[in-house]
């Protein structure tokens, strides 16, 4: 995420707390929710660049 997102939340702890409780079905929905919340926290405006990137990492299982 860019500094515009981080500044909107105020602290990394606030961002982590939000991510823990937001229902995310996939990386895109998580990114959308984080961006939406950051805009809301900024008084419904974008005062800086606000970009969020989310990925999902899968653990590969090797068969014998």
PDB file of N, CA and C in Angstrom:
ATOM      1  N   UNK A   1       0.833  -1.176   0.000  1.00  0.00           N
ATOM      2  CA  UNK A   1       0.000   0.000   0.000  1.00  0.00           C
ATOM      3  C   UNK A   1       0.876   1.236   0.000  1.00  0.00           C
ATOM      4  N   UNK A   2       0.330   2.284  -0.526  1.00  0.00           N
ATOM      5  CA  UNK A   2       1.084   3.536  -0.577  1.00  0.00           C
ATOM      6  C   UNK A   2       0.925   4.297   0.732  1.00  0.00           C
ATOM      7  N   UNK A   3       1.722   5.352   0.877  1.00  0.00           N
ATOM      8  CA  UNK A   3       1.683   6.128   2.109  1.00  0.00           C
ATOM      9  C   UNK A   3       0.350   6.834   2.322  1.00  0.00           C
ATOM     10  N   UNK A   4      -0.392   7.066   1.267  1.00  0.00           N
ATOM     11  CA  UNK A   4      -1.718   7.673   1.419  1.00  0.00           C
ATOM     12  C   UNK A   4      -2.655   6.774   2.224  1.00  0.00           C
ATOM     13  N   UNK A   5      -2.556   5.478   2.022  1.00  0.00           N
ATOM     14  CA  UNK A   5      -3.352   4.516   2.792  1.00  0.00           C
ATOM     15  C   UNK A   5      -2.856   4.496   4.231  1.00  0.00           C
ATOM     16  N   UNK A   6      -1.551   4.369   4.400  1.00  0.00           N
ATOM     17  CA  UNK A   6      -0.971   4.302   5.745  1.00  0.00           C
ATOM     18  C   UNK A   6      -1.291   5.563   6.549  1.00  0.00           C
ATOM     19  N   UNK A   7      -1.198   6.713   5.927  1.00  0.00           N
ATOM     20  CA  UNK A   7      -1.497   7.973   6.619  1.00  0.00           C
ATOM     21  C   UNK A   7      -2.964   8.051   7.030  1.00  0.00           C
ATOM     22  N   UNK A   8      -3.857   7.530   6.205  1.00  0.00           N
ATOM     23  CA  UNK A   8      -5.286   7.572   6.522  1.00  0.00           C
ATOM     24  C   UNK A   8      -5.593   6.751   7.768  1.00  0.00           C
ATOM     25  N   UNK A   9      -4.957   5.591   7.889  1.00  0.00           N
ATOM     26  CA  UNK A   9      -5.203   4.731   9.044  1.00  0.00           C
ATOM     27  C   UNK A   9      -4.511   5.256  10.301  1.00  0.00           C
ATOM     28  N   UNK A  10      -3.400   5.920  10.163  1.00  0.00           N
ATOM     29  CA  UNK A  10      -2.725   6.489  11.312  1.00  0.00           C
ATOM     30  C   UNK A  10      -1.594   5.649  11.860  1.00  0.00           C
ATOM     31  N   UNK A  11      -1.772   4.339  11.922  1.00  0.00           N
ATOM     32  CA  UNK A  11      -0.703   3.479  12.426  1.00  0.00           C
ATOM     33  C   UNK A  11      -0.800   2.105  11.781  1.00  0.00           C
ATOM     34  N   UNK A  12       0.311   1.395  11.773  1.00  0.00           N
ATOM     35  CA  UNK A  12       0.289   0.039  11.200  1.00  0.00           C
ATOM     36  C   UNK A  12      -0.601  -0.873  12.032  1.00  0.00           C
ATOM     37  N   UNK A  13      -0.689  -0.618  13.331  1.00  0.00           N
ATOM     38  CA  UNK A  13      -1.571  -1.410  14.186  1.00  0.00           C
ATOM     39  C   UNK A  13      -3.027  -1.273  13.791  1.00  0.00           C
ATOM     40  N   UNK A  14      -3.434  -0.055  13.412  1.00  0.00           N
ATOM     41  CA  UNK A  14      -4.812   0.170  12.971  1.00  0.00           C
ATOM     42  C   UNK A  14      -5.103  -0.576  11.663  1.00  0.00           C
ATOM     43  N   UNK A  15      -4.136  -0.585  10.769  1.00  0.00           N
ATOM     44  CA  UNK A  15      -4.304  -1.305   9.502  1.00  0.00           C
ATOM     45  C   UNK A  15      -4.427  -2.806   9.765  1.00  0.00           C
ATOM     46  N   UNK A  16      -3.554  -3.329  10.610  1.00  0.00           N
ATOM     47  CA  UNK A  16      -3.586  -4.764  10.930  1.00  0.00           C
ATOM     48  C   UNK A  16      -4.902  -5.133  11.593  1.00  0.00           C
ATOM     49  N   UNK A  17      -5.361  -4.326  12.535  1.00  0.00           N
ATOM     50  CA  UNK A  17      -6.643  -4.595  13.196  1.00  0.00           C
ATOM     51  C   UNK A  17      -7.784  -4.633  12.193  1.00  0.00           C
ATOM     52  N   UNK A  18      -7.772  -3.705  11.237  1.00  0.00           N
ATOM     53  CA  UNK A  18      -8.829  -3.678  10.228  1.00  0.00           C
ATOM     54  C   UNK A  18      -8.781  -4.920   9.348  1.00  0.00           C
ATOM     55  N   UNK A  19      -7.598  -5.288   8.895  1.00  0.00           N
ATOM     56  CA  UNK A  19      -7.456  -6.455   8.017  1.00  0.00           C
ATOM     57  C   UNK A  19      -7.896  -7.728   8.720  1.00  0.00           C
ATOM     58  N   UNK A  20      -7.672  -7.812  10.010  1.00  0.00           N
ATOM     59  CA  UNK A  20      -8.073  -9.011  10.773  1.00  0.00           C
ATOM     60  C   UNK A  20      -9.581  -9.203  10.816  1.00  0.00           C
ATOM     61  N   UNK A  21     -10.342  -8.131  10.788  1.00  0.00           N
ATOM     62  CA  UNK A  21     -11.800  -8.249  10.939  1.00  0.00           C
ATOM     63  C   UNK A  21     -12.583  -8.110   9.640  1.00  0.00           C
ATOM     64  N   UNK A  22     -11.962  -7.626   8.591  1.00  0.00           N
ATOM     65  CA  UNK A  22     -12.692  -7.442   7.330  1.00  0.00           C
ATOM     66  C   UNK A  22     -12.905  -8.803   6.661  1.00  0.00           C
ATOM     67  N   UNK A  23     -14.143  -9.078   6.244  1.00  0.00           N
ATOM     68  CA  UNK A  23     -14.392 -10.349   5.558  1.00  0.00           C
ATOM     69  C   UNK A  23     -13.888 -10.276   4.113  1.00  0.00           C
ATOM     70  N   UNK A  24     -12.813 -10.946   3.822  1.00  0.00           N
ATOM     71  CA  UNK A  24     -12.214 -10.892   2.484  1.00  0.00           C
ATOM     72  C   UNK A  24     -12.339 -12.250   1.814  1.00  0.00           C
ATOM     73  N   UNK A  25     -13.040 -12.279   0.707  1.00  0.00           N
ATOM     74  CA  UNK A  25     -13.213 -13.518  -0.043  1.00  0.00           C
ATOM     75  C   UNK A  25     -12.039 -13.807  -0.957  1.00  0.00           C
ATOM     76  N   UNK A  26     -11.365 -12.742  -1.368  1.00  0.00           N
ATOM     77  CA  UNK A  26     -10.233 -12.885  -2.276  1.00  0.00           C
ATOM     78  C   UNK A  26      -9.363 -11.632  -2.177  1.00  0.00           C
ATOM     79  N   UNK A  27      -8.177 -11.648  -2.767  1.00  0.00           N
ATOM     80  CA  UNK A  27      -7.281 -10.480  -2.659  1.00  0.00           C
ATOM     81  C   UNK A  27      -7.906  -9.180  -3.173  1.00  0.00           C
ATOM     82  N   UNK A  28      -8.677  -9.253  -4.248  1.00  0.00           N
ATOM     83  CA  UNK A  28      -9.284  -8.030  -4.788  1.00  0.00           C
ATOM     84  C   UNK A  28     -10.278  -7.422  -3.812  1.00  0.00           C
ATOM     85  N   UNK A  29     -11.107  -8.256  -3.196  1.00  0.00           N
ATOM     86  CA  UNK A  29     -12.088  -7.717  -2.248  1.00  0.00           C
ATOM     87  C   UNK A  29     -11.389  -7.141  -1.016  1.00  0.00           C
ATOM     88  N   UNK A  30     -10.290  -7.749  -0.582  1.00  0.00           N
ATOM     89  CA  UNK A  30      -9.524  -7.205   0.543  1.00  0.00           C
ATOM     90  C   UNK A  30      -8.952  -5.837   0.179  1.00  0.00           C
ATOM     91  N   UNK A  31      -8.341  -5.731  -0.981  1.00  0.00           N
ATOM     92  CA  UNK A  31      -7.775  -4.452  -1.426  1.00  0.00           C
ATOM     93  C   UNK A  31      -8.865  -3.391  -1.536  1.00  0.00           C
ATOM     94  N   UNK A  32     -10.016  -3.767  -2.084  1.00  0.00           N
ATOM     95  CA  UNK A  32     -11.131  -2.824  -2.208  1.00  0.00           C
ATOM     96  C   UNK A  32     -11.603  -2.327  -0.847  1.00  0.00           C
ATOM     97  N   UNK A  33     -11.707  -3.224   0.123  1.00  0.00           N
ATOM     98  CA  UNK A  33     -12.161  -2.847   1.460  1.00  0.00           C
ATOM     99  C   UNK A  33     -11.157  -1.941   2.167  1.00  0.00           C
ATOM    100  N   UNK A  34      -9.870  -2.223   2.025  1.00  0.00           N
ATOM    101  CA  UNK A  34      -8.845  -1.377   2.634  1.00  0.00           C
ATOM    102  C   UNK A  34      -8.897   0.025   2.026  1.00  0.00           C
ATOM    103  N   UNK A  35      -8.999   0.114   0.709  1.00  0.00           N
ATOM    104  CA  UNK A  35      -9.090   1.413   0.038  1.00  0.00           C
ATOM    105  C   UNK A  35     -10.348   2.164   0.470  1.00  0.00           C
ATOM    106  N   UNK A  36     -11.471   1.469   0.508  1.00  0.00           N
ATOM    107  CA  UNK A  36     -12.733   2.088   0.910  1.00  0.00           C
ATOM    108  C   UNK A  36     -12.639   2.660   2.330  1.00  0.00           C
ATOM    109  N   UNK A  37     -12.051   1.895   3.247  1.00  0.00           N
ATOM    110  CA  UNK A  37     -11.914   2.352   4.634  1.00  0.00           C
ATOM    111  C   UNK A  37     -10.966   3.548   4.721  1.00  0.00           C
ATOM    112  N   UNK A  38      -9.875   3.519   3.970  1.00  0.00           N
ATOM    113  CA  UNK A  38      -8.928   4.638   3.989  1.00  0.00           C
ATOM    114  C   UNK A  38      -9.592   5.923   3.502  1.00  0.00           C
ATOM    115  N   UNK A  39     -10.383   5.830   2.452  1.00  0.00           N
ATOM    116  CA  UNK A  39     -11.100   7.012   1.940  1.00  0.00           C
ATOM    117  C   UNK A  39     -12.091   7.509   2.988  1.00  0.00           C
ATOM    118  N   UNK A  40     -12.790   6.574   3.637  1.00  0.00           N
ATOM    119  CA  UNK A  40     -13.739   6.942   4.691  1.00  0.00           C
ATOM    120  C   UNK A  40     -13.020   7.662   5.841  1.00  0.00           C
ATOM    121  N   UNK A  41     -11.877   7.150   6.242  1.00  0.00           N
ATOM    122  CA  UNK A  41     -11.116   7.761   7.335  1.00  0.00           C
ATOM    123  C   UNK A  41     -10.577   9.137   6.969  1.00  0.00           C
ATOM    124  N   UNK A  42     -10.436   9.397   5.670  1.00  0.00           N
ATOM    125  CA  UNK A  42      -9.941  10.688   5.182  1.00  0.00           C
ATOM    126  C   UNK A  42     -11.073  11.682   4.957  1.00  0.00           C
ATOM    127  N   UNK A  43     -12.238  11.417   5.498  1.00  0.00           N
ATOM    128  CA  UNK A  43     -13.361  12.335   5.302  1.00  0.00           C
ATOM    129  C   UNK A  43     -13.954  12.240   3.917  1.00  0.00           C
ATOM    130  N   UNK A  44     -13.977  11.017   3.383  1.00  0.00           N
ATOM    131  CA  UNK A  44     -14.545  10.728   2.059  1.00  0.00           C
ATOM    132  C   UNK A  44     -13.792  11.412   0.922  1.00  0.00           C
ATOM    133  N   UNK A  45     -12.512  11.701   1.132  1.00  0.00           N
ATOM    134  CA  UNK A  45     -11.717  12.287   0.058  1.00  0.00           C
ATOM    135  C   UNK A  45     -10.372  11.589  -0.044  1.00  0.00           C
ATOM    136  N   UNK A  46      -9.714  11.796  -1.155  1.00  0.00           N
ATOM    137  CA  UNK A  46      -8.375  11.256  -1.381  1.00  0.00           C
ATOM    138  C   UNK A  46      -7.391  12.410  -1.353  1.00  0.00           C
ATOM    139  N   UNK A  47      -6.634  12.479  -0.268  1.00  0.00           N
ATOM    140  CA  UNK A  47      -5.701  13.592  -0.106  1.00  0.00           C
ATOM    141  C   UNK A  47      -4.310  13.265  -0.634  1.00  0.00           C
ATOM    142  N   UNK A  48      -4.075  12.017  -0.991  1.00  0.00           N
ATOM    143  CA  UNK A  48      -2.766  11.572  -1.441  1.00  0.00           C
ATOM    144  C   UNK A  48      -2.997  10.356  -2.337  1.00  0.00           C
ATOM    145  N   UNK A  49      -1.936   9.899  -2.948  1.00  0.00           N
ATOM    146  CA  UNK A  49      -2.022   8.671  -3.742  1.00  0.00           C
ATOM    147  C   UNK A  49      -2.444   7.533  -2.827  1.00  0.00           C
ATOM    148  N   UNK A  50      -3.464   6.779  -3.233  1.00  0.00           N
ATOM    149  CA  UNK A  50      -3.956   5.657  -2.433  1.00  0.00           C
ATOM    150  C   UNK A  50      -4.021   4.423  -3.317  1.00  0.00           C
ATOM    151  N   UNK A  51      -3.052   3.552  -3.131  1.00  0.00           N
ATOM    152  CA  UNK A  51      -2.980   2.313  -3.900  1.00  0.00           C
ATOM    153  C   UNK A  51      -2.806   1.150  -2.941  1.00  0.00           C
ATOM    154  N   UNK A  52      -3.559   0.074  -3.194  1.00  0.00           N
ATOM    155  CA  UNK A  52      -3.469  -1.134  -2.371  1.00  0.00           C
ATOM    156  C   UNK A  52      -3.251  -2.321  -3.295  1.00  0.00           C
ATOM    157  N   UNK A  53      -2.335  -3.176  -2.918  1.00  0.00           N
ATOM    158  CA  UNK A  53      -2.075  -4.407  -3.658  1.00  0.00           C
ATOM    159  C   UNK A  53      -2.193  -5.559  -2.664  1.00  0.00           C
ATOM    160  N   UNK A  54      -2.987  -6.554  -2.992  1.00  0.00           N
ATOM    161  CA  UNK A  54      -3.134  -7.727  -2.127  1.00  0.00           C
ATOM    162  C   UNK A  54      -2.918  -8.978  -2.968  1.00  0.00           C
ATOM    163  N   UNK A  55      -2.253  -9.943  -2.387  1.00  0.00           N
ATOM    164  CA  UNK A  55      -2.007 -11.213  -3.073  1.00  0.00           C
ATOM    165  C   UNK A  55      -2.375 -12.355  -2.145  1.00  0.00           C
ATOM    166  N   UNK A  56      -2.617 -13.484  -2.723  1.00  0.00           N
ATOM    167  CA  UNK A  56      -2.876 -14.690  -1.946  1.00  0.00           C
ATOM    168  C   UNK A  56      -1.776 -15.681  -2.277  1.00  0.00           C
ATOM    169  N   UNK A  57      -1.178 -16.228  -1.238  1.00  0.00           N
ATOM    170  CA  UNK A  57      -0.078 -17.172  -1.435  1.00  0.00           C
ATOM    171  C   UNK A  57      -0.568 -18.571  -1.061  1.00  0.00           C
ATOM    172  N   UNK A  58      -0.371 -19.490  -1.953  1.00  0.00           N
ATOM    173  CA  UNK A  58      -0.773 -20.876  -1.716  1.00  0.00           C
ATOM    174  C   UNK A  58       0.448 -21.707  -1.393  1.00  0.00           C
ATOM    175  N   UNK A  59       0.312 -22.580  -0.443  1.00  0.00           N
ATOM    176  CA  UNK A  59       1.380 -23.518  -0.114  1.00  0.00           C
ATOM    177  C   UNK A  59       1.223 -24.726  -1.039  1.00  0.00           C
ATOM    178  N   UNK A  60       2.295 -25.064  -1.737  1.00  0.00           N
ATOM    179  CA  UNK A  60       2.222 -26.221  -2.625  1.00  0.00           C
ATOM    180  C   UNK A  60       2.503 -27.493  -1.836  1.00  0.00           C
ATOM    181  N   UNK A  61       1.771 -28.500  -2.184  1.00  0.00           N
ATOM    182  CA  UNK A  61       1.951 -29.798  -1.533  1.00  0.00           C
ATOM    183  C   UNK A  61       2.552 -30.748  -2.550  1.00  0.00           C
ATOM    184  N   UNK A  62       3.697 -31.283  -2.212  1.00  0.00           N
ATOM    185  CA  UNK A  62       4.356 -32.209  -3.115  1.00  0.00           C
ATOM    186  C   UNK A  62       3.894 -33.631  -2.813  1.00  0.00           C
ATOM    187  N   UNK A  63       3.467 -34.305  -3.840  1.00  0.00           N
ATOM    188  CA  UNK A  63       3.049 -35.697  -3.634  1.00  0.00           C
ATOM    189  C   UNK A  63       4.238 -36.623  -3.788  1.00  0.00           C
ATOM    190  N   UNK A  64       4.183 -37.737  -3.091  1.00  0.00           N
ATOM    191  CA  UNK A  64       5.305 -38.690  -3.114  1.00  0.00           C
ATOM    192  C   UNK A  64       5.347 -39.495  -4.373  1.00  0.00           C
TER     193      UNK A  64
END
